[in-house]
Every structure is written in C-alpha cells, then in structure tokens.
Amino acid sequence: MELQDVHVLAEGLAFPEGPVAMADGSVVFVEIYAGRVSRCDADGNVSVVAEVGGGPNGAARGPDGAMYIYNNGGRATPGQPGQPGPCIQRVEPDTGTVRVLYTEADGIPLVGPNDLVFDDTGNFWFTDFLGDAILYASLDGRHISRHVTDVPNPNGIGLSPDQSVLYWAQTHTRQVARRRIESPGVLVPSPGCSIRALAGTGSVDRDAILVGLPGVQELDSLAVDSSGAVCVGTLVDSGITVVPCDGGPVEKYTLPAHIVEGAVTNLCFGGPDLMTAYVTLSLSGRLISCRWPRPGLRLSFQQ
C-alpha cells in the first residue's frame, strides 16, 4: 500500500530523526549529523532549538514541557566542549539550555542511547542501541536502571494504549519484541526475551517476540497508533511496517515513487485528529507528512 497525501515539509536536513508533533502545528526533530535539535513550523521554515553536540538520535516531550534527547555521542569524545558523549539530555525549548541527565546506569556507561518513551508517571523507558539494553529512568536525573540486557541492537520503543506492554524494535534481527509491565518501571519476569536466548540452555519466552520480518529490511524507530498497532520505520526495503498487537496480518506502507529512499527511520502522529503522520527520510534529509488511515495514539504529555 502507498502512503496517501504525502507532502515534503523540509529538505536539506542533516540526517533527521525523532520527530515530535507540537500543538502549534510545528514539528521538533533532531539532526544527527549536525548535533542539534531543530523545529519546522507549519509554513516549512526550519530553525534551531538547541545545539546539543554529539549525535542526537531523537526527542520526546516531557511533563515539564522540556525536550528530552537521547544522544548516541556521535564521534564525540566525552569531556570535550560541545561533545557530551553518549547521554540523555534535557533541553529547554524556549532558551536552548542543555543539561546532561545521565551518562551511565548501574555503574555501566551508556553506549548508544537511541529512543525513549514517557509513561504516565513522568518517567521513561529507553533503548541503548550499542549497549544492547532496555532501561528505565526518572525525570529528575536521580534514578536509572537496566531492565533487559543482551538485547540485540534495540532501536525504537513504545507503549501499548493502556501502558501494560512495552514494545521495542530490534534493527538487525528484524523483530518487534515486547514485555508485559507489572507496574511503572517493573517488567513481568520472563525466562528469555531476545534471539540470543536461543544460544543458551534456558527456556525462551515465545510471547516476547511480536513479529519477525523476512527479506531485506531492517527496523528503526516506532510509534503506536490508536488501534494498538506498532508502526515501525523500515530500512532498505523501506516504508512503515504495521504490526497488529493481536498477531494479525502485517501491513507495509511505502513511499510514492518520486520520493522513495532506503531510510524511512522515525515517525510520530499529530494534527487535531492525530491522523497526520510525520516521517523522517534520513538519507535524503527530508521531513514529510502523510495521512494515516486511523488516529495515532496520543503520547503521555503530548500537547
């Protein structure tokens, strides 16, 4: 299926990812290669929100109105001016002030923070792509812990509509994984949750894998829509892969031929009815919008 009502909102961006739809019709996003957070207004004008250094992989709006940035560090050397290394950052959108919240968890340095999602408590789950881990952290910078480890390259992350299930995409295994949530920041125990568990002697939790995709495609970031479906930016054989939460048939939405490319990386839902999807095409440096067939899921603290 082809995406409908596709419009290019901005071009010439430095590997954009992590779009966040704002109430005024603008979209905040990161530019990984430029080390900055930017905004595209409703007229297509792009401005800089903050210079964060490193390699900002994405953004999420917190309950305090600040933007929270998951920074993979890029080619940064920790301690160099403007080069924070792998970390979680807080950005004040009105002033561009940047503060580092976390650089390690349980005494282990973060290696490649990639994506995060807030729950209704104001705390957040996030992925460490290079650290092969799923973590949970508080907004105030005081509490962070590793909850799932030995996960192969976790990328996008999201919550079910009732916040009882945590989903994440595993880029190179082409899988969408999930874990049940017992209470905020606490996962239901599982005997195994990743493909690497197959190499061990323990049992494997078959419920942990929502889907595994065939062919030449890899998975990036994700968003959940109002039906509970997990919508994943898909690379190489690119598009948006839609995975129903009940295990129903997987759908694939592709770009129109005139803007097709191999890196449909991130998406979010916005607009008055949440039926507009904002999507980053990272290789060509474009931000696009399109009409989604049903409303997206309103995120915690989305305006």
C-alpha atoms as a PDB file:
ATOM      1  CA  MET A   1       0.000   0.000   0.000  1.00  0.00           C
ATOM      2  CA  GLU A   2       1.191   3.507  -0.726  1.00  0.00           C
ATOM      3  CA  LEU A   3       1.132   6.353   1.788  1.00  0.00           C
ATOM      4  CA  GLN A   4      -1.517   8.964   0.988  1.00  0.00           C
ATOM      5  CA  ASP A   5      -1.426  12.789   0.847  1.00  0.00           C
ATOM      6  CA  VAL A   6       2.350  12.911   1.158  1.00  0.00           C
ATOM      7  CA  HIS A   7       3.927  16.370   1.476  1.00  0.00           C
ATOM      8  CA  VAL A   8       7.589  17.283   1.832  1.00  0.00           C
ATOM      9  CA  LEU A   9       7.795  19.765   4.711  1.00  0.00           C
ATOM     10  CA  ALA A  10      11.558  20.341   4.848  1.00  0.00           C
ATOM     11  CA  GLU A  11      14.649  19.324   2.875  1.00  0.00           C
ATOM     12  CA  GLY A  12      18.412  19.593   3.225  1.00  0.00           C
ATOM     13  CA  LEU A  13      18.423  18.301   6.814  1.00  0.00           C
ATOM     14  CA  ALA A  14      21.451  16.585   8.363  1.00  0.00           C
ATOM     15  CA  PHE A  15      20.076  13.049   8.894  1.00  0.00           C
ATOM     16  CA  PRO A  16      16.824  13.956  10.672  1.00  0.00           C
ATOM     17  CA  GLU A  17      15.183  11.617  13.187  1.00  0.00           C
ATOM     18  CA  GLY A  18      12.940  11.729  16.268  1.00  0.00           C
ATOM     19  CA  PRO A  19      10.017  13.922  15.148  1.00  0.00           C
ATOM     20  CA  VAL A  20       7.777  15.331  17.883  1.00  0.00           C
ATOM     21  CA  ALA A  21       4.439  16.871  16.822  1.00  0.00           C
ATOM     22  CA  MET A  22       3.630  20.103  18.659  1.00  0.00           C
ATOM     23  CA  ALA A  23       0.259  21.736  19.328  1.00  0.00           C
ATOM     24  CA  ASP A  24       1.030  24.763  17.142  1.00  0.00           C
ATOM     25  CA  GLY A  25       1.476  22.577  14.050  1.00  0.00           C
ATOM     26  CA  SER A  26       5.256  22.613  14.173  1.00  0.00           C
ATOM     27  CA  VAL A  27       7.459  19.529  14.401  1.00  0.00           C
ATOM     28  CA  VAL A  28      10.563  19.328  16.582  1.00  0.00           C
ATOM     29  CA  PHE A  29      13.212  16.838  15.439  1.00  0.00           C
ATOM     30  CA  VAL A  30      16.913  16.119  15.748  1.00  0.00           C
ATOM     31  CA  GLU A  31      19.625  16.361  13.103  1.00  0.00           C
ATOM     32  CA  ILE A  32      22.116  13.650  13.997  1.00  0.00           C
ATOM     33  CA  TYR A  33      24.992  14.772  11.783  1.00  0.00           C
ATOM     34  CA  ALA A  34      24.655  18.409  12.874  1.00  0.00           C
ATOM     35  CA  GLY A  35      24.402  17.728  16.613  1.00  0.00           C
ATOM     36  CA  ARG A  36      21.302  19.869  17.028  1.00  0.00           C
ATOM     37  CA  VAL A  37      17.592  19.953  17.779  1.00  0.00           C
ATOM     38  CA  SER A  38      15.526  21.787  15.164  1.00  0.00           C
ATOM     39  CA  ARG A  39      11.955  22.847  14.542  1.00  0.00           C
ATOM     40  CA  CYS A  40       9.933  23.002  11.320  1.00  0.00           C
ATOM     41  CA  ASP A  41       6.973  25.342  11.615  1.00  0.00           C
ATOM     42  CA  ALA A  42       3.631  24.947   9.863  1.00  0.00           C
ATOM     43  CA  ASP A  43       4.930  27.005   6.905  1.00  0.00           C
ATOM     44  CA  GLY A  44       8.004  24.831   6.398  1.00  0.00           C
ATOM     45  CA  ASN A  45      10.507  27.211   7.984  1.00  0.00           C
ATOM     46  CA  VAL A  46      13.293  25.411   9.870  1.00  0.00           C
ATOM     47  CA  SER A  47      15.002  26.935  12.920  1.00  0.00           C
ATOM     48  CA  VAL A  48      17.455  25.694  15.533  1.00  0.00           C
ATOM     49  CA  VAL A  49      16.078  24.908  19.007  1.00  0.00           C
ATOM     50  CA  ALA A  50      19.383  23.907  20.603  1.00  0.00           C
ATOM     51  CA  GLU A  51      22.927  22.828  19.829  1.00  0.00           C
ATOM     52  CA  VAL A  52      23.400  19.616  21.804  1.00  0.00           C
ATOM     53  CA  GLY A  53      26.586  18.207  20.263  1.00  0.00           C
ATOM     54  CA  GLY A  54      27.371  14.549  19.751  1.00  0.00           C
ATOM     55  CA  GLY A  55      24.795  12.587  17.788  1.00  0.00           C
ATOM     56  CA  PRO A  56      21.231  13.251  18.964  1.00  0.00           C
ATOM     57  CA  ASN A  57      19.150  10.252  17.901  1.00  0.00           C
ATOM     58  CA  GLY A  58      15.711  11.521  18.864  1.00  0.00           C
ATOM     59  CA  ALA A  59      13.494  13.560  21.139  1.00  0.00           C
ATOM     60  CA  ALA A  60      10.447  13.298  23.385  1.00  0.00           C
ATOM     61  CA  ARG A  61       8.413  15.952  25.186  1.00  0.00           C
ATOM     62  CA  GLY A  62       8.354  15.542  28.964  1.00  0.00           C
ATOM     63  CA  PRO A  63       5.701  16.550  31.504  1.00  0.00           C
ATOM     64  CA  ASP A  64       7.589  19.783  32.231  1.00  0.00           C
ATOM     65  CA  GLY A  65       7.444  20.873  28.579  1.00  0.00           C
ATOM     66  CA  ALA A  66      11.160  20.293  28.060  1.00  0.00           C
ATOM     67  CA  MET A  67      12.531  18.135  25.260  1.00  0.00           C
ATOM     68  CA  TYR A  68      14.463  15.045  26.299  1.00  0.00           C
ATOM     69  CA  ILE A  69      17.177  13.993  23.886  1.00  0.00           C
ATOM     70  CA  TYR A  70      18.755  10.572  23.555  1.00  0.00           C
ATOM     71  CA  ASN A  71      22.263  11.300  22.309  1.00  0.00           C
ATOM     72  CA  ASN A  72      24.443   8.487  20.950  1.00  0.00           C
ATOM     73  CA  GLY A  73      27.531  10.674  21.271  1.00  0.00           C
ATOM     74  CA  GLY A  74      28.317  10.589  17.562  1.00  0.00           C
ATOM     75  CA  ARG A  75      32.060  10.777  17.142  1.00  0.00           C
ATOM     76  CA  ALA A  76      32.321  12.773  20.331  1.00  0.00           C
ATOM     77  CA  THR A  77      34.996  12.405  22.979  1.00  0.00           C
ATOM     78  CA  PRO A  78      33.409  12.791  26.445  1.00  0.00           C
ATOM     79  CA  GLY A  79      34.584  15.954  28.154  1.00  0.00           C
ATOM     80  CA  GLN A  80      35.287  17.953  25.015  1.00  0.00           C
ATOM     81  CA  PRO A  81      33.381  21.269  24.779  1.00  0.00           C
ATOM     82  CA  GLY A  82      30.087  20.721  22.999  1.00  0.00           C
ATOM     83  CA  GLN A  83      30.725  16.986  22.715  1.00  0.00           C
ATOM     84  CA  PRO A  84      28.904  15.241  25.541  1.00  0.00           C
ATOM     85  CA  GLY A  85      29.433  11.608  24.582  1.00  0.00           C
ATOM     86  CA  PRO A  86      26.561   9.089  24.914  1.00  0.00           C
ATOM     87  CA  CYS A  87      23.955  10.504  27.307  1.00  0.00           C
ATOM     88  CA  ILE A  88      20.393  11.591  27.987  1.00  0.00           C
ATOM     89  CA  GLN A  89      19.944  15.376  27.780  1.00  0.00           C
ATOM     90  CA  ARG A  90      17.260  17.837  28.811  1.00  0.00           C
ATOM     91  CA  VAL A  91      16.666  20.812  26.503  1.00  0.00           C
ATOM     92  CA  GLU A  92      14.688  23.896  27.478  1.00  0.00           C
ATOM     93  CA  PRO A  93      12.922  24.721  24.176  1.00  0.00           C
ATOM     94  CA  ASP A  94      12.485  28.440  24.848  1.00  0.00           C
ATOM     95  CA  THR A  95      16.136  29.131  25.675  1.00  0.00           C
ATOM     96  CA  GLY A  96      18.039  26.230  24.131  1.00  0.00           C
ATOM     97  CA  THR A  97      19.657  25.466  27.501  1.00  0.00           C
ATOM     98  CA  VAL A  98      21.058  21.924  27.571  1.00  0.00           C
ATOM     99  CA  ARG A  99      21.671  19.796  30.666  1.00  0.00           C
ATOM    100  CA  VAL A 100      23.015  16.242  30.812  1.00  0.00           C
ATOM    101  CA  LEU A 101      20.851  13.937  32.943  1.00  0.00           C
ATOM    102  CA  TYR A 102      22.529  10.553  32.584  1.00  0.00           C
ATOM    103  CA  THR A 103      25.761   9.095  31.235  1.00  0.00           C
ATOM    104  CA  GLU A 104      25.628   5.671  32.925  1.00  0.00           C
ATOM    105  CA  ALA A 105      23.268   3.165  34.540  1.00  0.00           C
ATOM    106  CA  ASP A 106      24.075   0.751  37.358  1.00  0.00           C
ATOM    107  CA  GLY A 107      27.726   1.781  37.023  1.00  0.00           C
ATOM    108  CA  ILE A 108      27.846   0.890  33.305  1.00  0.00           C
ATOM    109  CA  PRO A 109      28.362   3.747  30.797  1.00  0.00           C
ATOM    110  CA  LEU A 110      25.680   4.367  28.199  1.00  0.00           C
ATOM    111  CA  VAL A 111      26.994   3.443  24.769  1.00  0.00           C
ATOM    112  CA  GLY A 112      24.355   4.460  22.251  1.00  0.00           C
ATOM    113  CA  PRO A 113      21.089   5.885  23.632  1.00  0.00           C
ATOM    114  CA  ASN A 114      18.618   5.732  20.780  1.00  0.00           C
ATOM    115  CA  ASP A 115      14.925   6.155  21.599  1.00  0.00           C
ATOM    116  CA  LEU A 116      12.681   6.815  24.614  1.00  0.00           C
ATOM    117  CA  VAL A 117       9.043   6.887  25.635  1.00  0.00           C
ATOM    118  CA  PHE A 118       7.450   8.504  28.688  1.00  0.00           C
ATOM    119  CA  ASP A 119       4.832   6.707  30.742  1.00  0.00           C
ATOM    120  CA  ASP A 120       2.053   8.485  32.631  1.00  0.00           C
ATOM    121  CA  THR A 121       4.188   8.718  35.793  1.00  0.00           C
ATOM    122  CA  GLY A 122       6.613  11.079  34.043  1.00  0.00           C
ATOM    123  CA  ASN A 123       9.435   8.542  33.969  1.00  0.00           C
ATOM    124  CA  PHE A 124      10.724   6.972  30.775  1.00  0.00           C
ATOM    125  CA  TRP A 125      11.837   3.746  29.126  1.00  0.00           C
ATOM    126  CA  PHE A 126      14.672   3.965  26.611  1.00  0.00           C
ATOM    127  CA  THR A 127      16.898   1.838  24.411  1.00  0.00           C
ATOM    128  CA  ASP A 128      20.684   1.696  24.305  1.00  0.00           C
ATOM    129  CA  PHE A 129      21.315   0.508  20.746  1.00  0.00           C
ATOM    130  CA  LEU A 130      25.026  -0.239  21.141  1.00  0.00           C
ATOM    131  CA  GLY A 131      24.710  -1.258  24.786  1.00  0.00           C
ATOM    132  CA  ASP A 132      22.093  -3.909  23.905  1.00  0.00           C
ATOM    133  CA  ALA A 133      19.830  -2.871  26.784  1.00  0.00           C
ATOM    134  CA  ILE A 134      16.400  -1.545  27.737  1.00  0.00           C
ATOM    135  CA  LEU A 135      16.487   0.924  30.645  1.00  0.00           C
ATOM    136  CA  TYR A 136      14.116   2.944  32.835  1.00  0.00           C
ATOM    137  CA  ALA A 137      14.876   6.374  34.300  1.00  0.00           C
ATOM    138  CA  SER A 138      13.323   9.210  36.278  1.00  0.00           C
ATOM    139  CA  LEU A 139      12.860  12.710  35.005  1.00  0.00           C
ATOM    140  CA  ASP A 140      14.945  14.340  37.751  1.00  0.00           C
ATOM    141  CA  GLY A 141      18.217  12.628  36.855  1.00  0.00           C
ATOM    142  CA  ARG A 142      18.390  10.660  40.115  1.00  0.00           C
ATOM    143  CA  HIS A 143      17.266   7.133  39.254  1.00  0.00           C
ATOM    144  CA  ILE A 144      18.213   4.945  36.297  1.00  0.00           C
ATOM    145  CA  SER A 145      18.387   1.173  35.968  1.00  0.00           C
ATOM    146  CA  ARG A 146      18.923  -1.549  33.379  1.00  0.00           C
ATOM    147  CA  HIS A 147      15.929  -3.887  32.982  1.00  0.00           C
ATOM    148  CA  VAL A 148      16.552  -6.017  29.886  1.00  0.00           C
ATOM    149  CA  THR A 149      20.095  -6.816  28.783  1.00  0.00           C
ATOM    150  CA  ASP A 150      21.698  -8.782  25.971  1.00  0.00           C
ATOM    151  CA  VAL A 151      19.067  -7.476  23.551  1.00  0.00           C
ATOM    152  CA  PRO A 152      20.478  -7.255  20.006  1.00  0.00           C
ATOM    153  CA  ASN A 153      20.500  -3.599  18.895  1.00  0.00           C
ATOM    154  CA  PRO A 154      17.204  -2.308  20.336  1.00  0.00           C
ATOM    155  CA  ASN A 155      16.061   0.787  18.479  1.00  0.00           C
ATOM    156  CA  GLY A 156      12.527   2.241  18.602  1.00  0.00           C
ATOM    157  CA  ILE A 157      10.459   1.849  21.772  1.00  0.00           C
ATOM    158  CA  GLY A 158       6.812   2.428  22.682  1.00  0.00           C
ATOM    159  CA  LEU A 159       3.926   1.580  24.999  1.00  0.00           C
ATOM    160  CA  SER A 160       0.549  -0.019  24.357  1.00  0.00           C
ATOM    161  CA  PRO A 161      -2.509   2.254  24.750  1.00  0.00           C
ATOM    162  CA  ASP A 162      -3.092   1.047  28.338  1.00  0.00           C
ATOM    163  CA  GLN A 163       0.659   1.092  29.076  1.00  0.00           C
ATOM    164  CA  SER A 164       0.615  -2.580  30.075  1.00  0.00           C
ATOM    165  CA  VAL A 165       3.013  -3.675  27.308  1.00  0.00           C
ATOM    166  CA  LEU A 166       6.428  -2.308  26.325  1.00  0.00           C
ATOM    167  CA  TYR A 167       7.443  -2.744  22.674  1.00  0.00           C
ATOM    168  CA  TRP A 168      10.802  -2.256  21.014  1.00  0.00           C
ATOM    169  CA  ALA A 169      12.246  -2.844  17.535  1.00  0.00           C
ATOM    170  CA  GLN A 170      15.447  -4.840  17.054  1.00  0.00           C
ATOM    171  CA  THR A 171      17.127  -3.439  13.964  1.00  0.00           C
ATOM    172  CA  HIS A 172      19.262  -6.242  12.583  1.00  0.00           C
ATOM    173  CA  THR A 173      17.161  -9.239  13.696  1.00  0.00           C
ATOM    174  CA  ARG A 174      14.117  -7.574  12.052  1.00  0.00           C
ATOM    175  CA  GLN A 175      11.977  -8.286  15.113  1.00  0.00           C
ATOM    176  CA  VAL A 176       9.492  -6.346  17.208  1.00  0.00           C
ATOM    177  CA  ALA A 177       9.812  -7.546  20.815  1.00  0.00           C
ATOM    178  CA  ARG A 178       7.571  -6.945  23.811  1.00  0.00           C
ATOM    179  CA  ARG A 179       7.398  -7.376  27.568  1.00  0.00           C
ATOM    180  CA  ARG A 180       4.447  -7.110  29.917  1.00  0.00           C
ATOM    181  CA  ILE A 181       4.592  -4.340  32.512  1.00  0.00           C
ATOM    182  CA  GLU A 182       3.717  -5.239  36.094  1.00  0.00           C
ATOM    183  CA  SER A 183       3.821  -1.651  37.413  1.00  0.00           C
ATOM    184  CA  PRO A 184       5.630   1.546  36.348  1.00  0.00           C
ATOM    185  CA  GLY A 185       9.287   0.660  35.831  1.00  0.00           C
ATOM    186  CA  VAL A 186       8.736  -3.030  36.611  1.00  0.00           C
ATOM    187  CA  LEU A 187       8.536  -5.724  33.923  1.00  0.00           C
ATOM    188  CA  VAL A 188       6.859  -9.087  34.379  1.00  0.00           C
ATOM    189  CA  PRO A 189       9.655 -11.668  34.771  1.00  0.00           C
ATOM    190  CA  SER A 190      10.476 -13.581  31.602  1.00  0.00           C
ATOM    191  CA  PRO A 191      12.713 -16.607  31.009  1.00  0.00           C
ATOM    192  CA  GLY A 192      14.123 -15.042  27.845  1.00  0.00           C
ATOM    193  CA  CYS A 193      13.364 -12.078  25.609  1.00  0.00           C
ATOM    194  CA  SER A 194      15.827 -11.976  22.721  1.00  0.00           C
ATOM    195  CA  ILE A 195      17.072 -14.111  19.877  1.00  0.00           C
ATOM    196  CA  ARG A 196      20.319 -14.573  21.797  1.00  0.00           C
ATOM    197  CA  ALA A 197      18.441 -16.628  24.365  1.00  0.00           C
ATOM    198  CA  LEU A 198      18.293 -19.392  21.760  1.00  0.00           C
ATOM    199  CA  ALA A 199      22.043 -19.898  22.130  1.00  0.00           C
ATOM    200  CA  GLY A 200      21.738 -20.611  25.869  1.00  0.00           C
ATOM    201  CA  THR A 201      20.378 -23.504  27.813  1.00  0.00           C
ATOM    202  CA  GLY A 202      17.383 -21.733  29.343  1.00  0.00           C
ATOM    203  CA  SER A 203      13.834 -21.557  28.049  1.00  0.00           C
ATOM    204  CA  VAL A 204      12.620 -18.947  25.618  1.00  0.00           C
ATOM    205  CA  ASP A 205       9.598 -16.719  26.195  1.00  0.00           C
ATOM    206  CA  ARG A 206       7.710 -17.062  22.904  1.00  0.00           C
ATOM    207  CA  ASP A 207       5.402 -14.200  23.894  1.00  0.00           C
ATOM    208  CA  ALA A 208       8.425 -11.881  23.845  1.00  0.00           C
ATOM    209  CA  ILE A 209       8.506 -11.644  20.032  1.00  0.00           C
ATOM    210  CA  LEU A 210       5.508  -9.939  18.450  1.00  0.00           C
ATOM    211  CA  VAL A 211       6.798 -10.411  14.893  1.00  0.00           C
ATOM    212  CA  GLY A 212       9.887 -11.287  12.891  1.00  0.00           C
ATOM    213  CA  LEU A 213      10.124  -9.876   9.367  1.00  0.00           C
ATOM    214  CA  PRO A 214      11.543 -11.606   6.288  1.00  0.00           C
ATOM    215  CA  GLY A 215      13.561 -10.228   3.431  1.00  0.00           C
ATOM    216  CA  VAL A 216      15.920  -7.315   3.031  1.00  0.00           C
ATOM    217  CA  GLN A 217      14.544  -4.911   5.623  1.00  0.00           C
ATOM    218  CA  GLU A 218      15.687  -3.616   8.990  1.00  0.00           C
ATOM    219  CA  LEU A 219      13.763  -1.810  11.714  1.00  0.00           C
ATOM    220  CA  ASP A 220      14.278   1.663  13.139  1.00  0.00           C
ATOM    221  CA  SER A 221      12.015   3.742  15.383  1.00  0.00           C
ATOM    222  CA  LEU A 222       8.331   3.112  16.049  1.00  0.00           C
ATOM    223  CA  ALA A 223       5.039   4.686  17.064  1.00  0.00           C
ATOM    224  CA  VAL A 224       1.846   3.037  18.285  1.00  0.00           C
ATOM    225  CA  ASP A 225      -1.492   4.034  16.776  1.00  0.00           C
ATOM    226  CA  SER A 226      -4.916   4.123  18.415  1.00  0.00           C
ATOM    227  CA  SER A 227      -5.677   0.524  17.423  1.00  0.00           C
ATOM    228  CA  GLY A 228      -2.630  -0.622  19.383  1.00  0.00           C
ATOM    229  CA  ALA A 229      -0.732  -1.492  16.204  1.00  0.00           C
ATOM    230  CA  VAL A 230       3.031  -0.975  16.269  1.00  0.00           C
ATOM    231  CA  CYS A 231       4.107   1.168  13.302  1.00  0.00           C
ATOM    232  CA  VAL A 232       7.825   0.798  12.559  1.00  0.00           C
ATOM    233  CA  GLY A 233      10.089   2.833  10.308  1.00  0.00           C
ATOM    234  CA  THR A 234      11.682   0.312   7.971  1.00  0.00           C
ATOM    235  CA  LEU A 235      15.051   0.488   6.198  1.00  0.00           C
ATOM    236  CA  VAL A 236      16.419  -0.886   2.901  1.00  0.00           C
ATOM    237  CA  ASP A 237      13.109  -2.296   1.579  1.00  0.00           C
ATOM    238  CA  SER A 238      11.755   0.844   3.122  1.00  0.00           C
ATOM    239  CA  GLY A 239       8.411   2.091   4.346  1.00  0.00           C
ATOM    240  CA  ILE A 240       6.312   1.855   7.504  1.00  0.00           C
ATOM    241  CA  THR A 241       5.591  -1.664   8.708  1.00  0.00           C
ATOM    242  CA  VAL A 242       2.363  -2.003  10.716  1.00  0.00           C
ATOM    243  CA  VAL A 243       2.238  -4.882  13.200  1.00  0.00           C
ATOM    244  CA  PRO A 244      -1.152  -5.529  14.867  1.00  0.00           C
ATOM    245  CA  CYS A 245      -0.912  -6.147  18.603  1.00  0.00           C
ATOM    246  CA  ASP A 246      -3.072  -9.276  18.293  1.00  0.00           C
ATOM    247  CA  GLY A 247      -0.754 -11.011  15.864  1.00  0.00           C
ATOM    248  CA  GLY A 248      -2.897 -10.260  12.800  1.00  0.00           C
ATOM    249  CA  PRO A 249      -1.520  -9.786   9.272  1.00  0.00           C
ATOM    250  CA  VAL A 250       1.385  -7.351   8.927  1.00  0.00           C
ATOM    251  CA  GLU A 251       0.900  -4.396   6.557  1.00  0.00           C
ATOM    252  CA  LYS A 252       3.513  -2.324   4.734  1.00  0.00           C
ATOM    253  CA  TYR A 253       3.041   1.298   3.658  1.00  0.00           C
ATOM    254  CA  THR A 254       5.522   2.567   1.072  1.00  0.00           C
ATOM    255  CA  LEU A 255       6.547   5.969  -0.234  1.00  0.00           C
ATOM    256  CA  PRO A 256       5.393   7.379  -3.567  1.00  0.00           C
ATOM    257  CA  ALA A 257       7.891   6.676  -6.346  1.00  0.00           C
ATOM    258  CA  HIS A 258       9.054  10.298  -6.633  1.00  0.00           C
ATOM    259  CA  ILE A 259      10.417  10.399  -3.057  1.00  0.00           C
ATOM    260  CA  VAL A 260      11.300   6.767  -2.408  1.00  0.00           C
ATOM    261  CA  GLU A 261      14.502   6.117  -0.429  1.00  0.00           C
ATOM    262  CA  GLY A 262      16.035   3.435   1.741  1.00  0.00           C
ATOM    263  CA  ALA A 263      15.832   5.014   5.198  1.00  0.00           C
ATOM    264  CA  VAL A 264      12.323   5.636   6.492  1.00  0.00           C
ATOM    265  CA  THR A 265      13.551   5.990  10.046  1.00  0.00           C
ATOM    266  CA  ASN A 266      11.142   7.660  12.505  1.00  0.00           C
ATOM    267  CA  LEU A 267       7.508   8.714  12.707  1.00  0.00           C
ATOM    268  CA  CYS A 268       5.048  10.367  15.069  1.00  0.00           C
ATOM    269  CA  PHE A 269       1.375  11.273  14.965  1.00  0.00           C
ATOM    270  CA  GLY A 270      -0.038  14.779  15.211  1.00  0.00           C
ATOM    271  CA  GLY A 271      -2.654  17.182  13.941  1.00  0.00           C
ATOM    272  CA  PRO A 272      -6.049  17.917  15.536  1.00  0.00           C
ATOM    273  CA  ASP A 273      -7.298  14.386  14.866  1.00  0.00           C
ATOM    274  CA  LEU A 274      -3.920  12.614  15.255  1.00  0.00           C
ATOM    275  CA  MET A 275      -4.310  11.278  11.710  1.00  0.00           C
ATOM    276  CA  THR A 276      -1.247  13.050  10.333  1.00  0.00           C
ATOM    277  CA  ALA A 277       1.968  11.044  10.400  1.00  0.00           C
ATOM    278  CA  TYR A 278       5.237  12.987  10.386  1.00  0.00           C
ATOM    279  CA  VAL A 279       8.043  10.857   8.986  1.00  0.00           C
ATOM    280  CA  THR A 280      11.814  11.348   8.649  1.00  0.00           C
ATOM    281  CA  LEU A 281      13.582  10.260   5.456  1.00  0.00           C
ATOM    282  CA  SER A 282      17.095  10.370   6.795  1.00  0.00           C
ATOM    283  CA  LEU A 283      19.343   9.595   3.821  1.00  0.00           C
ATOM    284  CA  SER A 284      17.832  12.372   1.702  1.00  0.00           C
ATOM    285  CA  GLY A 285      17.427  14.733   4.674  1.00  0.00           C
ATOM    286  CA  ARG A 286      13.688  15.252   4.389  1.00  0.00           C
ATOM    287  CA  LEU A 287      10.764  15.586   6.774  1.00  0.00           C
ATOM    288  CA  ILE A 288       7.410  14.622   5.281  1.00  0.00           C
ATOM    289  CA  SER A 289       3.792  14.419   6.375  1.00  0.00           C
ATOM    290  CA  CYS A 290       1.131  11.991   5.208  1.00  0.00           C
ATOM    291  CA  ARG A 291      -2.407  10.940   6.057  1.00  0.00           C
ATOM    292  CA  TRP A 292      -2.627   7.898   8.342  1.00  0.00           C
ATOM    293  CA  PRO A 293      -5.688   5.625   7.931  1.00  0.00           C
ATOM    294  CA  ARG A 294      -6.669   5.930  11.609  1.00  0.00           C
ATOM    295  CA  PRO A 295      -5.729   8.170  14.550  1.00  0.00           C
ATOM    296  CA  GLY A 296      -2.377   7.724  16.196  1.00  0.00           C
ATOM    297  CA  LEU A 297      -2.024   7.134  19.912  1.00  0.00           C
ATOM    298  CA  ARG A 298      -1.656  10.326  21.930  1.00  0.00           C
ATOM    299  CA  LEU A 299       1.599  10.087  23.886  1.00  0.00           C
ATOM    300  CA  SER A 300       1.863  10.901  27.567  1.00  0.00           C
ATOM    301  CA  PHE A 301       2.398  14.692  27.794  1.00  0.00           C
ATOM    302  CA  GLN A 302       1.800  15.273  24.090  1.00  0.00           C
ATOM    303  CA  GLN A 303       0.288  18.715  23.625  1.00  0.00           C
END
